Amino acid sequence: MSEQIILNIVSLVIGIMLFFSFVVAPLTFKVLAPDNAGVYIRAIFPYYYLVNLIICSIVSGFYIYTQTFTLDFYLITAVALLFAFSLFILMPMINKFKDEKNESKFKYSHLLSVIINFFQLISLGIILI
């Protein structure tokens, strides 16, 4: 029973991630003026990272509580840590580089966020298998 709940929660996180990556972000820049889109993205993405961090941390905590240290535990913990890194370190760096108009560092750090997001999706997919 608890394994099915975990799989449902992991599916929820994957759904949130795909929705933000392929609907919210692209549609924001398509519909809003660039200045407004930037303001909106800066406002919403901290919630994206925080909600996913909380959800993944709860699942990781459940594995610790049940002393189930399988591959799934390490993957969900890595995903949670990457959400924390993205929220507290990477996102502020991306915003700083954008504000300073440092395009090369902005593009590099944004690419890093995309790679992290992709790694997280793959890790969560492995948990579902």
Protein backbone atom coordinates (compact mmCIF):
# COMPACT_ATOMS: atom_id res chain seq x y z
CA MET A 1 0.00 0.00 0.00
CA SER A 2 2.70 2.52 0.97
CA GLU A 3 4.65 1.66 -2.19
CA GLN A 4 1.61 2.56 -4.31
CA ILE A 5 1.25 5.89 -2.48
CA ILE A 6 4.92 6.66 -3.13
CA LEU A 7 4.49 5.85 -6.84
CA ASN A 8 1.46 8.15 -6.98
CA ILE A 9 3.40 10.96 -5.28
CA VAL A 10 6.36 10.49 -7.65
CA SER A 11 3.91 10.61 -10.57
CA LEU A 12 2.52 13.86 -9.17
CA VAL A 13 6.01 15.41 -9.09
CA ILE A 14 6.67 14.28 -12.66
CA GLY A 15 3.35 15.84 -13.71
CA ILE A 16 4.20 19.13 -12.00
CA MET A 17 7.62 19.18 -13.62
CA LEU A 18 6.32 18.42 -17.11
CA PHE A 19 3.51 20.96 -16.77
CA PHE A 20 5.89 23.73 -15.73
CA SER A 21 8.52 22.81 -18.33
CA PHE A 22 6.25 22.39 -21.32
CA VAL A 23 3.22 24.56 -20.53
CA VAL A 24 3.81 27.28 -17.93
CA ALA A 25 7.28 28.52 -18.94
CA PRO A 26 6.83 28.50 -22.75
CA LEU A 27 3.30 29.88 -22.60
CA THR A 28 4.39 32.66 -20.24
CA PHE A 29 6.97 33.93 -22.73
CA LYS A 30 4.54 33.52 -25.61
CA VAL A 31 1.63 35.40 -24.03
CA LEU A 32 3.25 38.05 -21.85
CA ALA A 33 5.56 40.88 -22.83
CA PRO A 34 9.22 40.01 -22.06
CA ASP A 35 9.43 42.24 -18.99
CA ASN A 36 6.18 40.89 -17.53
CA ALA A 37 7.12 37.31 -18.39
CA GLY A 38 10.40 37.67 -16.52
CA VAL A 39 8.64 39.07 -13.46
CA TYR A 40 6.08 36.25 -13.54
CA ILE A 41 8.68 33.50 -13.97
CA ARG A 42 10.74 34.90 -11.08
CA ALA A 43 7.61 34.88 -8.92
CA ILE A 44 6.33 31.40 -9.75
CA PHE A 45 9.47 29.28 -10.05
CA PRO A 46 10.44 29.53 -6.36
CA TYR A 47 7.08 27.90 -5.60
CA TYR A 48 7.75 25.23 -8.21
CA TYR A 49 11.05 24.35 -6.58
CA LEU A 50 9.71 24.63 -3.02
CA VAL A 51 6.60 22.49 -3.56
CA ASN A 52 8.62 19.77 -5.29
CA LEU A 53 11.32 19.98 -2.61
CA ILE A 54 8.72 19.48 0.13
CA ILE A 55 6.99 16.60 -1.65
CA CYS A 56 10.26 14.78 -2.41
CA SER A 57 11.55 15.39 1.12
CA ILE A 58 8.42 13.82 2.58
CA VAL A 59 8.92 10.72 0.44
CA SER A 60 12.61 10.62 1.37
CA GLY A 61 11.67 11.00 5.04
CA PHE A 62 9.25 8.10 4.73
CA TYR A 63 12.06 5.90 3.40
CA ILE A 64 14.24 6.93 6.34
CA TYR A 65 11.41 6.29 8.80
CA THR A 66 10.86 2.79 7.39
CA GLN A 67 14.62 2.24 7.05
CA THR A 68 14.20 1.38 3.38
CA PHE A 69 17.50 2.37 1.81
CA THR A 70 16.95 1.13 -1.72
CA LEU A 71 17.88 2.78 -5.01
CA ASP A 72 14.52 4.60 -4.90
CA PHE A 73 15.50 6.25 -1.61
CA TYR A 74 18.79 7.52 -3.03
CA LEU A 75 17.13 8.75 -6.23
CA ILE A 76 14.32 10.64 -4.48
CA THR A 77 16.81 12.10 -2.01
CA ALA A 78 19.06 13.24 -4.87
CA VAL A 79 16.03 14.80 -6.59
CA ALA A 80 15.07 16.62 -3.38
CA LEU A 81 18.62 17.89 -2.88
CA LEU A 82 18.70 19.14 -6.46
CA PHE A 83 15.44 21.02 -5.89
CA ALA A 84 17.05 22.62 -2.83
CA PHE A 85 20.18 23.50 -4.82
CA SER A 86 18.07 24.98 -7.61
CA LEU A 87 15.90 26.97 -5.21
CA PHE A 88 18.55 28.36 -2.88
CA ILE A 89 21.67 28.59 -5.07
CA LEU A 90 21.09 28.20 -8.79
CA MET A 91 17.94 30.30 -9.24
CA PRO A 92 19.40 33.33 -7.41
CA MET A 93 22.54 33.01 -9.58
CA ILE A 94 20.46 32.87 -12.76
CA ASN A 95 18.53 35.97 -11.70
CA LYS A 96 21.75 37.79 -10.78
CA PHE A 97 23.35 37.03 -14.14
CA LYS A 98 20.19 38.16 -15.94
CA ASP A 99 20.08 41.41 -13.93
CA GLU A 100 23.75 42.06 -14.65
CA LYS A 101 23.12 41.34 -18.36
CA ASN A 102 25.85 38.72 -18.24
CA GLU A 103 24.41 36.63 -21.07
CA SER A 104 27.12 33.96 -21.19
CA LYS A 105 26.84 33.15 -17.47
CA PHE A 106 23.05 33.41 -17.66
CA LYS A 107 22.88 30.94 -20.55
CA TYR A 108 25.31 28.55 -18.84
CA SER A 109 23.45 28.63 -15.51
CA HIS A 110 20.08 28.30 -17.24
CA LEU A 111 21.39 25.33 -19.22
CA LEU A 112 22.55 23.80 -15.93
CA SER A 113 19.01 24.19 -14.55
CA VAL A 114 17.61 22.44 -17.64
CA ILE A 115 20.12 19.58 -17.27
CA ILE A 116 19.25 19.22 -13.58
CA ASN A 117 15.55 19.18 -14.42
CA PHE A 118 16.16 16.48 -17.05
CA PHE A 119 18.21 14.39 -14.59
CA GLN A 120 15.44 14.72 -12.02
CA LEU A 121 12.82 13.56 -14.50
CA ILE A 122 14.93 10.54 -15.45
CA SER A 123 15.52 9.69 -11.78
CA LEU A 124 11.82 9.92 -10.99
CA GLY A 125 11.04 7.79 -14.04
CA ILE A 126 13.42 5.11 -12.77
CA ILE A 127 11.55 5.08 -9.46
CA LEU A 128 8.33 4.36 -11.36
CA ILE A 129 9.84 1.35 -13.13
